[in-house]
Amino acid sequence: MNAAKVVRRNVTVFWRAWRFSFFLSVLSPVMFLSAMGLGLGSMVSETDAFGGVDYVDFFATGMLAATCMQAGVFNATYPIMMKMMWQRNYEAMLASPLEVRDIFLGELASIGLMLAQVAVPFAGVMALFGVFDSPMAILAIPVAVLLGLACASVIMAFTATLQTDEAYTWLFRFVVTPLFLLSGTFFPIDELPLWGKVVAQATPLYHGVELVRQLAIYELEASALWHLGYLLVMLGIGTALGMRNLERRLVP
């Protein structure tokens, strides 16, 4: 598949700085879990509000999903726009046997590899902190990657329609940050008013967080199929729209 050639190109570029990136992937969860999970968590003695688990477990699973969501969104914004508009990488690629479909799927697969590099160390640190108590917790890693890919596909479709990067300021301020804060990452959405619960349950991060938690610290429930289906449908829609928008953008 020609998309693999795009992945190979991106991996070659990434390989030059993988050590620094991997270091940050390990340092980030250590700092988050130490400061918020153990620091703030030591002052939270009530576990009933968090489904009978310690706050550090509740917080860590939410952060795994939220970190992948943020990474997926970011890598679908400036890096894609840079190749599309500023460096004109895609124009050069289209002069080869590659097609727009290959470029989009290759970029999405590359983001998936990057997300795995974020999720695996994060999960490893969580295991060292004693968060996981079930063998099924290993499935939280691909779920977190799926969440990041679903968000990335939609944002890539959005990026393909932009002429400047001005919209990203609004995207991160009014979409990504509220998602991060209000989708159950730090506290159960039961604490929100009714309208807040409705909005939260419509967001991809909520479904990713819930599915990660069911796999890692709670019991798996029938609602897991709904959460998984939401993310898969979002990924499918984002991929279809992304390939269409990028085709319109790159092919006169």
Protein backbone atom coordinates (compact mmCIF):
# COMPACT_ATOMS: atom_id res chain seq x y z
CA MET A 1 0.00 0.00 0.00
CA ASN A 2 1.41 3.38 -0.98
CA ALA A 3 0.35 4.92 2.34
CA ALA A 4 3.13 2.88 3.95
CA LYS A 5 5.64 4.99 2.01
CA VAL A 6 4.30 8.12 3.70
CA VAL A 7 4.63 6.39 7.06
CA ARG A 8 8.21 5.39 6.25
CA ARG A 9 9.04 8.98 5.32
CA ASN A 10 7.56 10.33 8.55
CA VAL A 11 9.30 7.69 10.67
CA THR A 12 12.62 8.56 9.05
CA VAL A 13 12.14 12.23 9.97
CA PHE A 14 10.92 11.39 13.47
CA TRP A 15 13.78 8.98 14.16
CA ARG A 16 16.23 11.89 14.42
CA ALA A 17 14.55 13.13 17.59
CA TRP A 18 12.94 10.00 19.04
CA ARG A 19 15.07 9.94 22.18
CA PHE A 20 13.95 13.42 23.29
CA SER A 21 10.34 12.66 22.39
CA PHE A 22 10.43 9.36 24.29
CA PHE A 23 11.93 11.12 27.31
CA LEU A 24 9.04 13.59 27.35
CA SER A 25 6.54 10.73 26.96
CA VAL A 26 7.89 9.20 30.18
CA LEU A 27 8.49 12.45 32.07
CA SER A 28 4.99 13.80 31.44
CA PRO A 29 3.03 11.00 33.18
CA VAL A 30 5.53 10.88 36.05
CA MET A 31 5.03 14.59 36.70
CA PHE A 32 1.25 14.48 36.26
CA LEU A 33 0.73 11.44 38.46
CA SER A 34 3.13 12.66 41.12
CA ALA A 35 1.73 16.19 41.34
CA MET A 36 -1.98 15.60 40.77
CA GLY A 37 -2.48 11.90 41.46
CA LEU A 38 -0.33 11.51 44.56
CA GLY A 39 -0.14 15.14 45.65
CA LEU A 40 -3.76 16.17 45.27
CA GLY A 41 -4.96 12.58 45.61
CA SER A 42 -3.48 12.34 49.11
CA MET A 43 -6.01 14.96 50.21
CA VAL A 44 -8.96 13.04 48.71
CA SER A 45 -10.03 10.30 51.10
CA GLU A 46 -13.55 9.71 49.76
CA THR A 47 -13.48 6.90 47.19
CA ASP A 48 -17.23 6.40 46.70
CA ALA A 49 -17.34 9.46 44.45
CA PHE A 50 -14.81 7.77 42.14
CA GLY A 51 -16.48 4.39 41.86
CA GLY A 52 -14.72 2.90 44.85
CA VAL A 53 -11.18 3.45 43.54
CA ASP A 54 -8.43 5.77 44.73
CA TYR A 55 -8.26 9.18 43.13
CA VAL A 56 -4.84 8.47 41.63
CA ASP A 57 -6.37 5.55 39.69
CA PHE A 58 -9.31 7.65 38.55
CA PHE A 59 -7.07 10.53 37.54
CA ALA A 60 -4.40 8.43 35.80
CA THR A 61 -6.86 6.62 33.52
CA GLY A 62 -8.48 9.90 32.58
CA MET A 63 -5.10 11.46 31.83
CA LEU A 64 -4.10 8.54 29.60
CA ALA A 65 -7.12 9.17 27.39
CA ALA A 66 -6.88 12.97 27.56
CA THR A 67 -3.18 12.98 26.69
CA CYS A 68 -3.78 10.89 23.58
CA MET A 69 -6.68 13.14 22.61
CA GLN A 70 -4.51 16.24 22.91
CA ALA A 71 -1.61 14.64 21.04
CA GLY A 72 -3.89 13.50 18.24
CA VAL A 73 -5.45 16.93 17.85
CA PHE A 74 -2.12 18.77 17.88
CA ASN A 75 -0.51 16.49 15.30
CA ALA A 76 -3.49 17.05 13.00
CA THR A 77 -3.07 20.83 13.10
CA TYR A 78 0.26 22.59 12.62
CA PRO A 79 2.28 19.59 11.34
CA ILE A 80 -0.33 18.89 8.64
CA MET A 81 -0.73 22.55 7.69
CA MET A 82 3.04 22.93 7.47
CA LYS A 83 3.30 20.08 4.96
CA MET A 84 0.24 21.25 3.08
CA MET A 85 0.86 25.02 2.84
CA TRP A 86 4.24 26.17 4.05
CA GLN A 87 6.66 23.46 2.99
CA ARG A 88 4.50 22.10 0.13
CA ASN A 89 5.43 18.50 0.93
CA TYR A 90 2.15 17.17 -0.39
CA GLU A 91 2.60 18.80 -3.78
CA ALA A 92 5.93 17.00 -4.11
CA MET A 93 4.33 13.73 -3.02
CA LEU A 94 1.58 14.05 -5.62
CA ALA A 95 4.25 14.36 -8.32
CA SER A 96 5.09 10.74 -7.46
CA PRO A 97 2.77 7.73 -7.83
CA LEU A 98 1.17 8.64 -4.49
CA GLU A 99 -2.47 9.75 -4.42
CA VAL A 100 -4.29 12.00 -1.97
CA ARG A 101 -5.81 8.92 -0.33
CA ASP A 102 -2.31 7.54 0.29
CA ILE A 103 -1.16 10.81 1.83
CA PHE A 104 -4.11 11.08 4.20
CA LEU A 105 -4.02 7.45 5.34
CA GLY A 106 -0.24 7.58 5.67
CA GLU A 107 -0.41 10.68 7.85
CA LEU A 108 -3.16 9.13 9.96
CA ALA A 109 -1.13 5.94 10.41
CA SER A 110 1.90 8.03 11.37
CA ILE A 111 -0.16 9.79 14.02
CA GLY A 112 -1.23 6.36 15.27
CA LEU A 113 2.41 5.34 15.74
CA MET A 114 3.12 8.59 17.55
CA LEU A 115 0.13 8.01 19.82
CA ALA A 116 1.39 4.53 20.65
CA GLN A 117 4.70 6.07 21.63
CA VAL A 118 2.76 8.33 24.01
CA ALA A 119 0.36 5.71 25.38
CA VAL A 120 2.78 2.85 26.03
CA PRO A 121 5.17 4.77 28.34
CA PHE A 122 2.20 6.43 30.05
CA ALA A 123 0.64 3.02 30.73
CA GLY A 124 4.01 1.72 31.91
CA VAL A 125 4.27 4.52 34.47
CA MET A 126 0.68 3.86 35.54
CA ALA A 127 1.57 0.21 36.12
CA LEU A 128 4.53 1.27 38.30
CA PHE A 129 2.14 3.42 40.32
CA GLY A 130 -0.06 0.36 40.86
CA VAL A 131 -3.03 1.69 38.92
CA PHE A 132 -3.82 -1.44 36.89
CA ASP A 133 -5.45 -4.37 38.66
CA SER A 134 -6.64 -6.44 35.70
CA PRO A 135 -4.91 -8.11 32.71
CA MET A 136 -7.51 -6.40 30.51
CA ALA A 137 -5.85 -3.09 31.37
CA ILE A 138 -3.44 -3.66 28.48
CA LEU A 139 -6.39 -3.01 26.14
CA ALA A 140 -6.55 0.55 27.47
CA ILE A 141 -3.54 1.36 25.28
CA PRO A 142 -5.18 0.65 21.88
CA VAL A 143 -8.36 2.35 23.09
CA ALA A 144 -6.41 5.51 23.96
CA VAL A 145 -4.74 5.35 20.54
CA LEU A 146 -8.15 4.91 18.89
CA LEU A 147 -9.44 7.99 20.71
CA GLY A 148 -6.49 10.04 19.50
CA LEU A 149 -6.93 8.80 15.92
CA ALA A 150 -10.66 9.56 15.92
CA CYS A 151 -9.98 13.14 17.03
CA ALA A 152 -7.05 13.49 14.63
CA SER A 153 -9.08 12.36 11.61
CA VAL A 154 -11.75 15.01 12.22
CA ILE A 155 -9.19 17.75 12.83
CA MET A 156 -7.24 16.76 9.70
CA ALA A 157 -10.47 17.14 7.74
CA PHE A 158 -10.84 20.59 9.30
CA THR A 159 -7.22 21.54 8.61
CA ALA A 160 -7.65 20.71 4.92
CA THR A 161 -10.20 23.54 4.65
CA LEU A 162 -8.07 26.27 6.29
CA GLN A 163 -6.09 29.04 4.63
CA THR A 164 -4.39 30.28 7.83
CA ASP A 165 -3.68 28.89 11.28
CA GLU A 166 -5.79 31.50 13.06
CA ALA A 167 -8.61 29.04 13.71
CA TYR A 168 -6.32 26.87 15.83
CA THR A 169 -6.33 29.47 18.59
CA TRP A 170 -10.08 29.10 18.89
CA LEU A 171 -9.90 25.32 18.51
CA PHE A 172 -7.54 24.83 21.44
CA ARG A 173 -9.15 27.49 23.61
CA PHE A 174 -12.84 26.70 23.13
CA VAL A 175 -12.83 23.01 22.16
CA VAL A 176 -9.77 21.14 23.37
CA THR A 177 -9.43 22.81 26.78
CA PRO A 178 -13.13 22.44 27.73
CA LEU A 179 -12.98 18.81 26.59
CA PHE A 180 -9.94 18.26 28.77
CA LEU A 181 -11.62 19.81 31.80
CA LEU A 182 -15.24 18.70 31.49
CA SER A 183 -15.26 15.17 30.05
CA GLY A 184 -14.62 13.27 33.27
CA THR A 185 -10.84 13.47 33.30
CA PHE A 186 -10.46 15.07 36.74
CA PHE A 187 -13.85 14.40 38.33
CA PRO A 188 -17.01 12.39 37.55
CA ILE A 189 -19.42 14.16 35.24
CA ASP A 190 -22.13 13.43 37.83
CA GLU A 191 -20.89 16.60 39.53
CA LEU A 192 -21.96 18.66 36.50
CA PRO A 193 -25.40 20.21 35.99
CA LEU A 194 -27.79 18.40 33.66
CA TRP A 195 -26.81 20.39 30.58
CA GLY A 196 -23.15 19.75 31.36
CA LYS A 197 -23.74 16.00 31.54
CA VAL A 198 -25.51 16.03 28.18
CA VAL A 199 -22.69 17.97 26.54
CA ALA A 200 -20.01 15.79 28.14
CA GLN A 201 -21.65 12.57 26.99
CA ALA A 202 -21.64 13.84 23.42
CA THR A 203 -17.86 14.34 23.39
CA PRO A 204 -15.31 11.77 22.17
CA LEU A 205 -13.08 12.25 25.20
CA TYR A 206 -15.87 11.17 27.55
CA HIS A 207 -16.33 7.91 25.65
CA GLY A 208 -12.58 7.31 25.53
CA VAL A 209 -12.17 7.99 29.24
CA GLU A 210 -15.08 5.73 30.17
CA LEU A 211 -13.82 2.87 28.02
CA VAL A 212 -10.26 3.17 29.35
CA ARG A 213 -11.54 3.15 32.92
CA GLN A 214 -13.76 0.12 32.38
CA LEU A 215 -10.80 -1.79 31.00
CA ALA A 216 -8.26 -0.60 33.57
CA ILE A 217 -9.94 -0.08 36.96
CA TYR A 218 -13.66 -0.87 36.72
CA GLU A 219 -15.66 -3.83 35.51
CA LEU A 220 -16.40 -4.08 31.79
CA GLU A 221 -20.05 -3.19 31.10
CA ALA A 222 -22.37 -3.35 28.10
CA SER A 223 -21.91 0.40 27.65
CA ALA A 224 -18.37 -0.36 26.46
CA LEU A 225 -19.84 -1.33 23.08
CA TRP A 226 -21.49 2.09 22.83
CA HIS A 227 -18.26 3.89 23.73
CA LEU A 228 -16.25 1.81 21.24
CA GLY A 229 -18.84 2.25 18.51
CA TYR A 230 -18.85 6.03 18.99
CA LEU A 231 -15.09 6.23 18.50
CA LEU A 232 -15.08 3.91 15.48
CA VAL A 233 -17.88 5.84 13.76
CA MET A 234 -16.10 9.12 14.47
CA LEU A 235 -12.89 7.74 12.97
CA GLY A 236 -14.76 6.54 9.88
CA ILE A 237 -16.53 9.87 9.34
CA GLY A 238 -13.37 11.87 9.94
CA THR A 239 -11.39 9.71 7.50
CA ALA A 240 -14.03 10.01 4.77
CA LEU A 241 -14.35 13.78 5.19
CA GLY A 242 -10.60 14.21 5.48
CA MET A 243 -9.82 12.42 2.23
CA ARG A 244 -12.55 14.39 0.44
CA ASN A 245 -11.40 17.76 1.79
CA LEU A 246 -7.74 17.07 1.10
CA GLU A 247 -8.59 15.96 -2.45
CA ARG A 248 -10.43 19.22 -3.05
CA ARG A 249 -7.54 21.18 -1.57
CA LEU A 250 -4.66 19.56 -3.42
CA VAL A 251 -6.16 18.55 -6.76
CA PRO A 252 -7.40 21.45 -8.92
